[in-house]
Amino acid sequence: MGGRSMKKSTPVENATLDDATLDPKVLETIGRALKAHYDDLVQAPLPDKLLDLLARLEKEEQQAKLENAEKKPEENPDASG
């Protein structure tokens, strides 16, 4: 058996980067599967923990706006008349 490998090479092993294209039907199938998966994710409801966090952030943002609105007349003495 002098030094030669008995292993048969497959087309994938012999492929070059130029040969690495997928069949359009395979690409279409992959695309449909990905779209279905991400559509499900987009339609899924947000977890309660995230909704609570968003509500808390919105509340803090509103409070900061009110505090800034109250401070502005004090910072500008000409605005009081």
PDB file of N, CA and C in Angstrom:
ATOM      1  N   MET A   1       0.817  -1.184   0.000  1.00  0.00           N
ATOM      2  CA  MET A   1       0.000   0.000   0.000  1.00  0.00           C
ATOM      3  C   MET A   1       0.851   1.232   0.000  1.00  0.00           C
ATOM      4  N   GLY A   2       1.925   1.283  -0.415  1.00  0.00           N
ATOM      5  CA  GLY A   2       2.902   2.332  -0.510  1.00  0.00           C
ATOM      6  C   GLY A   2       2.428   3.725  -0.195  1.00  0.00           C
ATOM      7  N   GLY A   3       2.271   4.360   0.789  1.00  0.00           N
ATOM      8  CA  GLY A   3       2.075   5.743   1.112  1.00  0.00           C
ATOM      9  C   GLY A   3       0.808   6.408   0.623  1.00  0.00           C
ATOM     10  N   ARG A   4       0.021   5.795  -0.223  1.00  0.00           N
ATOM     11  CA  ARG A   4      -1.206   6.424  -0.715  1.00  0.00           C
ATOM     12  C   ARG A   4      -2.338   6.236   0.276  1.00  0.00           C
ATOM     13  N   SER A   5      -3.109   7.264   0.475  1.00  0.00           N
ATOM     14  CA  SER A   5      -4.243   7.191   1.390  1.00  0.00           C
ATOM     15  C   SER A   5      -5.369   6.421   0.729  1.00  0.00           C
ATOM     16  N   MET A   6      -6.027   5.616   1.487  1.00  0.00           N
ATOM     17  CA  MET A   6      -7.165   4.863   0.983  1.00  0.00           C
ATOM     18  C   MET A   6      -8.448   5.680   1.047  1.00  0.00           C
ATOM     19  N   LYS A   7      -8.371   6.839   1.676  1.00  0.00           N
ATOM     20  CA  LYS A   7      -9.545   7.689   1.838  1.00  0.00           C
ATOM     21  C   LYS A   7      -9.938   8.307   0.503  1.00  0.00           C
ATOM     22  N   LYS A   8     -11.202   8.196   0.165  1.00  0.00           N
ATOM     23  CA  LYS A   8     -11.697   8.824  -1.056  1.00  0.00           C
ATOM     24  C   LYS A   8     -11.990  10.292  -0.754  1.00  0.00           C
ATOM     25  N   SER A   9     -11.650  11.170  -1.662  1.00  0.00           N
ATOM     26  CA  SER A   9     -11.958  12.580  -1.446  1.00  0.00           C
ATOM     27  C   SER A   9     -13.361  12.867  -1.954  1.00  0.00           C
ATOM     28  N   THR A  10     -14.027  13.744  -1.239  1.00  0.00           N
ATOM     29  CA  THR A  10     -15.390  14.120  -1.612  1.00  0.00           C
ATOM     30  C   THR A  10     -15.358  15.462  -2.321  1.00  0.00           C
ATOM     31  N   PRO A  11     -16.404  15.809  -3.044  1.00  0.00           N
ATOM     32  CA  PRO A  11     -16.437  17.107  -3.734  1.00  0.00           C
ATOM     33  C   PRO A  11     -16.264  18.279  -2.774  1.00  0.00           C
ATOM     34  N   VAL A  12     -16.773  18.174  -1.543  1.00  0.00           N
ATOM     35  CA  VAL A  12     -16.645  19.264  -0.578  1.00  0.00           C
ATOM     36  C   VAL A  12     -15.178  19.473  -0.225  1.00  0.00           C
ATOM     37  N   GLU A  13     -14.430  18.399  -0.050  1.00  0.00           N
ATOM     38  CA  GLU A  13     -13.021  18.516   0.293  1.00  0.00           C
ATOM     39  C   GLU A  13     -12.223  19.135  -0.843  1.00  0.00           C
ATOM     40  N   ASN A  14     -12.646  18.913  -2.055  1.00  0.00           N
ATOM     41  CA  ASN A  14     -11.928  19.427  -3.216  1.00  0.00           C
ATOM     42  C   ASN A  14     -12.422  20.805  -3.658  1.00  0.00           C
ATOM     43  N   ALA A  15     -13.452  21.330  -2.998  1.00  0.00           N
ATOM     44  CA  ALA A  15     -14.048  22.598  -3.415  1.00  0.00           C
ATOM     45  C   ALA A  15     -13.119  23.758  -3.094  1.00  0.00           C
ATOM     46  N   THR A  16     -13.182  24.781  -3.920  1.00  0.00           N
ATOM     47  CA  THR A  16     -12.457  26.025  -3.668  1.00  0.00           C
ATOM     48  C   THR A  16     -13.474  27.079  -3.255  1.00  0.00           C
ATOM     49  N   LEU A  17     -12.991  28.246  -2.843  1.00  0.00           N
ATOM     50  CA  LEU A  17     -13.909  29.322  -2.467  1.00  0.00           C
ATOM     51  C   LEU A  17     -14.798  29.727  -3.632  1.00  0.00           C
ATOM     52  N   ASP A  18     -14.283  29.656  -4.842  1.00  0.00           N
ATOM     53  CA  ASP A  18     -15.087  30.001  -6.008  1.00  0.00           C
ATOM     54  C   ASP A  18     -16.244  29.031  -6.199  1.00  0.00           C
ATOM     55  N   ASP A  19     -16.080  27.801  -5.709  1.00  0.00           N
ATOM     56  CA  ASP A  19     -17.114  26.788  -5.854  1.00  0.00           C
ATOM     57  C   ASP A  19     -18.141  26.837  -4.729  1.00  0.00           C
ATOM     58  N   ALA A  20     -17.938  27.694  -3.733  1.00  0.00           N
ATOM     59  CA  ALA A  20     -18.763  27.697  -2.529  1.00  0.00           C
ATOM     60  C   ALA A  20     -20.047  28.497  -2.711  1.00  0.00           C
ATOM     61  N   THR A  21     -20.822  28.165  -3.698  1.00  0.00           N
ATOM     62  CA  THR A  21     -22.117  28.802  -3.894  1.00  0.00           C
ATOM     63  C   THR A  21     -23.200  27.771  -3.619  1.00  0.00           C
ATOM     64  N   LEU A  22     -24.299  28.238  -3.064  1.00  0.00           N
ATOM     65  CA  LEU A  22     -25.405  27.348  -2.752  1.00  0.00           C
ATOM     66  C   LEU A  22     -26.442  27.400  -3.856  1.00  0.00           C
ATOM     67  N   ASP A  23     -27.125  26.327  -3.993  1.00  0.00           N
ATOM     68  CA  ASP A  23     -28.224  26.229  -4.932  1.00  0.00           C
ATOM     69  C   ASP A  23     -29.263  27.295  -4.570  1.00  0.00           C
ATOM     70  N   PRO A  24     -29.806  27.993  -5.534  1.00  0.00           N
ATOM     71  CA  PRO A  24     -30.813  29.032  -5.237  1.00  0.00           C
ATOM     72  C   PRO A  24     -31.999  28.496  -4.437  1.00  0.00           C
ATOM     73  N   LYS A  25     -32.388  27.248  -4.658  1.00  0.00           N
ATOM     74  CA  LYS A  25     -33.495  26.670  -3.895  1.00  0.00           C
ATOM     75  C   LYS A  25     -33.118  26.529  -2.420  1.00  0.00           C
ATOM     76  N   VAL A  26     -31.859  26.176  -2.158  1.00  0.00           N
ATOM     77  CA  VAL A  26     -31.388  26.063  -0.778  1.00  0.00           C
ATOM     78  C   VAL A  26     -31.389  27.442  -0.132  1.00  0.00           C
ATOM     79  N   LEU A  27     -30.885  28.443  -0.841  1.00  0.00           N
ATOM     80  CA  LEU A  27     -30.880  29.808  -0.305  1.00  0.00           C
ATOM     81  C   LEU A  27     -32.291  30.289  -0.011  1.00  0.00           C
ATOM     82  N   GLU A  28     -33.223  29.981  -0.903  1.00  0.00           N
ATOM     83  CA  GLU A  28     -34.611  30.396  -0.697  1.00  0.00           C
ATOM     84  C   GLU A  28     -35.202  29.708   0.533  1.00  0.00           C
ATOM     85  N   THR A  29     -34.919  28.443   0.708  1.00  0.00           N
ATOM     86  CA  THR A  29     -35.413  27.700   1.867  1.00  0.00           C
ATOM     87  C   THR A  29     -34.835  28.264   3.155  1.00  0.00           C
ATOM     88  N   ILE A  30     -33.541  28.551   3.159  1.00  0.00           N
ATOM     89  CA  ILE A  30     -32.899  29.136   4.338  1.00  0.00           C
ATOM     90  C   ILE A  30     -33.504  30.507   4.632  1.00  0.00           C
ATOM     91  N   GLY A  31     -33.690  31.304   3.608  1.00  0.00           N
ATOM     92  CA  GLY A  31     -34.275  32.637   3.772  1.00  0.00           C
ATOM     93  C   GLY A  31     -35.670  32.585   4.356  1.00  0.00           C
ATOM     94  N   ARG A  32     -36.490  31.665   3.857  1.00  0.00           N
ATOM     95  CA  ARG A  32     -37.856  31.528   4.392  1.00  0.00           C
ATOM     96  C   ARG A  32     -37.828  31.092   5.854  1.00  0.00           C
ATOM     97  N   ALA A  33     -36.940  30.154   6.176  1.00  0.00           N
ATOM     98  CA  ALA A  33     -36.853  29.676   7.558  1.00  0.00           C
ATOM     99  C   ALA A  33     -36.403  30.799   8.497  1.00  0.00           C
ATOM    100  N   LEU A  34     -35.412  31.582   8.072  1.00  0.00           N
ATOM    101  CA  LEU A  34     -34.942  32.696   8.899  1.00  0.00           C
ATOM    102  C   LEU A  34     -36.030  33.743   9.085  1.00  0.00           C
ATOM    103  N   LYS A  35     -36.739  34.053   7.999  1.00  0.00           N
ATOM    104  CA  LYS A  35     -37.807  35.048   8.081  1.00  0.00           C
ATOM    105  C   LYS A  35     -38.899  34.578   9.033  1.00  0.00           C
ATOM    106  N   ALA A  36     -39.276  33.324   8.948  1.00  0.00           N
ATOM    107  CA  ALA A  36     -40.312  32.792   9.842  1.00  0.00           C
ATOM    108  C   ALA A  36     -39.852  32.875  11.292  1.00  0.00           C
ATOM    109  N   HIS A  37     -38.604  32.529  11.528  1.00  0.00           N
ATOM    110  CA  HIS A  37     -38.068  32.578  12.889  1.00  0.00           C
ATOM    111  C   HIS A  37     -38.078  34.005  13.428  1.00  0.00           C
ATOM    112  N   TYR A  38     -37.589  34.951  12.657  1.00  0.00           N
ATOM    113  CA  TYR A  38     -37.528  36.327  13.134  1.00  0.00           C
ATOM    114  C   TYR A  38     -38.901  36.973  13.195  1.00  0.00           C
ATOM    115  N   ASP A  39     -39.821  36.581  12.324  1.00  0.00           N
ATOM    116  CA  ASP A  39     -41.185  37.093  12.423  1.00  0.00           C
ATOM    117  C   ASP A  39     -41.805  36.669  13.749  1.00  0.00           C
ATOM    118  N   ASP A  40     -41.549  35.425  14.156  1.00  0.00           N
ATOM    119  CA  ASP A  40     -42.055  34.954  15.444  1.00  0.00           C
ATOM    120  C   ASP A  40     -41.463  35.767  16.589  1.00  0.00           C
ATOM    121  N   LEU A  41     -40.175  36.071  16.509  1.00  0.00           N
ATOM    122  CA  LEU A  41     -39.529  36.850  17.567  1.00  0.00           C
ATOM    123  C   LEU A  41     -40.107  38.254  17.658  1.00  0.00           C
ATOM    124  N   VAL A  42     -40.362  38.855  16.514  1.00  0.00           N
ATOM    125  CA  VAL A  42     -40.894  40.220  16.490  1.00  0.00           C
ATOM    126  C   VAL A  42     -42.311  40.250  17.065  1.00  0.00           C
ATOM    127  N   GLN A  43     -43.080  39.201  16.822  1.00  0.00           N
ATOM    128  CA  GLN A  43     -44.460  39.151  17.294  1.00  0.00           C
ATOM    129  C   GLN A  43     -44.568  38.733  18.761  1.00  0.00           C
ATOM    130  N   ALA A  44     -43.516  38.173  19.320  1.00  0.00           N
ATOM    131  CA  ALA A  44     -43.553  37.695  20.703  1.00  0.00           C
ATOM    132  C   ALA A  44     -43.699  38.870  21.664  1.00  0.00           C
ATOM    133  N   PRO A  45     -44.469  38.689  22.724  1.00  0.00           N
ATOM    134  CA  PRO A  45     -44.611  39.772  23.706  1.00  0.00           C
ATOM    135  C   PRO A  45     -43.306  39.976  24.479  1.00  0.00           C
ATOM    136  N   LEU A  46     -43.107  41.208  24.920  1.00  0.00           N
ATOM    137  CA  LEU A  46     -41.922  41.504  25.717  1.00  0.00           C
ATOM    138  C   LEU A  46     -42.080  40.906  27.115  1.00  0.00           C
ATOM    139  N   PRO A  47     -41.004  40.433  27.687  1.00  0.00           N
ATOM    140  CA  PRO A  47     -41.082  39.898  29.057  1.00  0.00           C
ATOM    141  C   PRO A  47     -41.479  41.000  30.045  1.00  0.00           C
ATOM    142  N   ASP A  48     -42.197  40.614  31.091  1.00  0.00           N
ATOM    143  CA  ASP A  48     -42.650  41.577  32.107  1.00  0.00           C
ATOM    144  C   ASP A  48     -41.487  42.353  32.709  1.00  0.00           C
ATOM    145  N   LYS A  49     -40.375  41.693  32.919  1.00  0.00           N
ATOM    146  CA  LYS A  49     -39.216  42.361  33.509  1.00  0.00           C
ATOM    147  C   LYS A  49     -38.746  43.525  32.617  1.00  0.00           C
ATOM    148  N   LEU A  50     -38.759  43.318  31.313  1.00  0.00           N
ATOM    149  CA  LEU A  50     -38.358  44.380  30.391  1.00  0.00           C
ATOM    150  C   LEU A  50     -39.400  45.493  30.365  1.00  0.00           C
ATOM    151  N   LEU A  51     -40.667  45.135  30.388  1.00  0.00           N
ATOM    152  CA  LEU A  51     -41.723  46.156  30.419  1.00  0.00           C
ATOM    153  C   LEU A  51     -41.625  47.003  31.680  1.00  0.00           C
ATOM    154  N   ASP A  52     -41.333  46.356  32.818  1.00  0.00           N
ATOM    155  CA  ASP A  52     -41.164  47.098  34.068  1.00  0.00           C
ATOM    156  C   ASP A  52     -39.987  48.063  33.980  1.00  0.00           C
ATOM    157  N   LEU A  53     -38.903  47.601  33.406  1.00  0.00           N
ATOM    158  CA  LEU A  53     -37.721  48.445  33.257  1.00  0.00           C
ATOM    159  C   LEU A  53     -38.021  49.645  32.362  1.00  0.00           C
ATOM    160  N   LEU A  54     -38.703  49.410  31.248  1.00  0.00           N
ATOM    161  CA  LEU A  54     -39.060  50.512  30.343  1.00  0.00           C
ATOM    162  C   LEU A  54     -39.966  51.524  31.042  1.00  0.00           C
ATOM    163  N   ALA A  55     -40.920  51.046  31.817  1.00  0.00           N
ATOM    164  CA  ALA A  55     -41.819  51.949  32.540  1.00  0.00           C
ATOM    165  C   ALA A  55     -41.036  52.788  33.547  1.00  0.00           C
ATOM    166  N   ARG A  56     -40.114  52.157  34.247  1.00  0.00           N
ATOM    167  CA  ARG A  56     -39.301  52.883  35.231  1.00  0.00           C
ATOM    168  C   ARG A  56     -38.433  53.941  34.553  1.00  0.00           C
ATOM    169  N   LEU A  57     -37.848  53.581  33.416  1.00  0.00           N
ATOM    170  CA  LEU A  57     -37.020  54.547  32.688  1.00  0.00           C
ATOM    171  C   LEU A  57     -37.850  55.724  32.184  1.00  0.00           C
ATOM    172  N   GLU A  58     -39.044  55.447  31.684  1.00  0.00           N
ATOM    173  CA  GLU A  58     -39.913  56.527  31.212  1.00  0.00           C
ATOM    174  C   GLU A  58     -40.304  57.456  32.364  1.00  0.00           C
ATOM    175  N   LYS A  59     -40.599  56.867  33.519  1.00  0.00           N
ATOM    176  CA  LYS A  59     -40.962  57.668  34.694  1.00  0.00           C
ATOM    177  C   LYS A  59     -39.798  58.565  35.109  1.00  0.00           C
ATOM    178  N   GLU A  60     -38.588  58.006  35.147  1.00  0.00           N
ATOM    179  CA  GLU A  60     -37.407  58.792  35.511  1.00  0.00           C
ATOM    180  C   GLU A  60     -37.148  59.900  34.496  1.00  0.00           C
ATOM    181  N   GLU A  61     -37.387  59.598  33.232  1.00  0.00           N
ATOM    182  CA  GLU A  61     -37.193  60.612  32.190  1.00  0.00           C
ATOM    183  C   GLU A  61     -38.178  61.765  32.367  1.00  0.00           C
ATOM    184  N   GLN A  62     -39.431  61.437  32.662  1.00  0.00           N
ATOM    185  CA  GLN A  62     -40.440  62.478  32.888  1.00  0.00           C
ATOM    186  C   GLN A  62     -40.090  63.329  34.114  1.00  0.00           C
ATOM    187  N   GLN A  63     -39.615  62.686  35.171  1.00  0.00           N
ATOM    188  CA  GLN A  63     -39.231  63.425  36.368  1.00  0.00           C
ATOM    189  C   GLN A  63     -38.060  64.356  36.075  1.00  0.00           C
ATOM    190  N   ALA A  64     -37.101  63.898  35.291  1.00  0.00           N
ATOM    191  CA  ALA A  64     -35.947  64.729  34.944  1.00  0.00           C
ATOM    192  C   ALA A  64     -36.398  65.932  34.115  1.00  0.00           C
ATOM    193  N   LYS A  65     -37.337  65.737  33.209  1.00  0.00           N
ATOM    194  CA  LYS A  65     -37.849  66.852  32.405  1.00  0.00           C
ATOM    195  C   LYS A  65     -38.537  67.887  33.291  1.00  0.00           C
ATOM    196  N   LEU A  66     -39.336  67.403  34.255  1.00  0.00           N
ATOM    197  CA  LEU A  66     -40.022  68.330  35.162  1.00  0.00           C
ATOM    198  C   LEU A  66     -39.018  69.113  36.003  1.00  0.00           C
ATOM    199  N   GLU A  67     -38.007  68.424  36.514  1.00  0.00           N
ATOM    200  CA  GLU A  67     -36.987  69.099  37.320  1.00  0.00           C
ATOM    201  C   GLU A  67     -36.239  70.136  36.498  1.00  0.00           C
ATOM    202  N   ASN A  68     -35.926  69.813  35.253  1.00  0.00           N
ATOM    203  CA  ASN A  68     -35.229  70.766  34.379  1.00  0.00           C
ATOM    204  C   ASN A  68     -36.116  71.962  34.065  1.00  0.00           C
ATOM    205  N   ALA A  69     -37.398  71.723  33.865  1.00  0.00           N
ATOM    206  CA  ALA A  69     -38.327  72.821  33.574  1.00  0.00           C
ATOM    207  C   ALA A  69     -38.453  73.756  34.772  1.00  0.00           C
ATOM    208  N   GLU A  70     -38.417  73.197  35.984  1.00  0.00           N
ATOM    209  CA  GLU A  70     -38.510  74.015  37.192  1.00  0.00           C
ATOM    210  C   GLU A  70     -37.238  74.818  37.430  1.00  0.00           C
ATOM    211  N   LYS A  71     -36.095  74.301  37.033  1.00  0.00           N
ATOM    212  CA  LYS A  71     -34.813  74.972  37.258  1.00  0.00           C
ATOM    213  C   LYS A  71     -34.569  76.105  36.266  1.00  0.00           C
ATOM    214  N   LYS A  72     -35.095  76.040  35.086  1.00  0.00           N
ATOM    215  CA  LYS A  72     -34.779  77.019  34.046  1.00  0.00           C
ATOM    216  C   LYS A  72     -35.106  78.449  34.452  1.00  0.00           C
ATOM    217  N   PRO A  73     -36.260  78.760  35.020  1.00  0.00           N
ATOM    218  CA  PRO A  73     -36.507  80.170  35.392  1.00  0.00           C
ATOM    219  C   PRO A  73     -35.503  80.691  36.431  1.00  0.00           C
ATOM    220  N   GLU A  74     -35.059  79.828  37.330  1.00  0.00           N
ATOM    221  CA  GLU A  74     -34.088  80.241  38.340  1.00  0.00           C
ATOM    222  C   GLU A  74     -32.732  80.547  37.715  1.00  0.00           C
ATOM    223  N   GLU A  75     -32.369  79.810  36.676  1.00  0.00           N
ATOM    224  CA  GLU A  75     -31.059  79.989  36.040  1.00  0.00           C
ATOM    225  C   GLU A  75     -31.007  81.263  35.210  1.00  0.00           C
ATOM    226  N   ASN A  76     -32.147  81.748  34.724  1.00  0.00           N
ATOM    227  CA  ASN A  76     -32.179  82.926  33.858  1.00  0.00           C
ATOM    228  C   ASN A  76     -32.932  84.050  34.574  1.00  0.00           C
ATOM    229  N   PRO A  77     -32.224  84.948  35.276  1.00  0.00           N
ATOM    230  CA  PRO A  77     -32.908  86.004  36.032  1.00  0.00           C
ATOM    231  C   PRO A  77     -33.694  86.957  35.145  1.00  0.00           C
ATOM    232  N   ASP A  78     -33.325  87.130  33.876  1.00  0.00           N
ATOM    233  CA  ASP A  78     -34.048  88.033  32.991  1.00  0.00           C
ATOM    234  C   ASP A  78     -35.419  87.490  32.630  1.00  0.00           C
ATOM    235  N   ALA A  79     -35.623  86.209  32.725  1.00  0.00           N
ATOM    236  CA  ALA A  79     -36.887  85.602  32.327  1.00  0.00           C
ATOM    237  C   ALA A  79     -37.994  85.921  33.315  1.00  0.00           C
ATOM    238  N   SER A  80     -37.667  86.272  34.548  1.00  0.00           N
ATOM    239  CA  SER A  80     -38.704  86.535  35.555  1.00  0.00           C
ATOM    240  C   SER A  80     -39.321  87.919  35.407  1.00  0.00           C
ATOM    241  N   GLY A  81     -38.713  88.781  34.660  1.00  0.00           N
ATOM    242  CA  GLY A  81     -39.334  90.059  34.383  1.00  0.00           C
ATOM    243  C   GLY A  81     -38.660  91.158  35.024  1.00  0.00           C
TER     244      GLY A  81
END
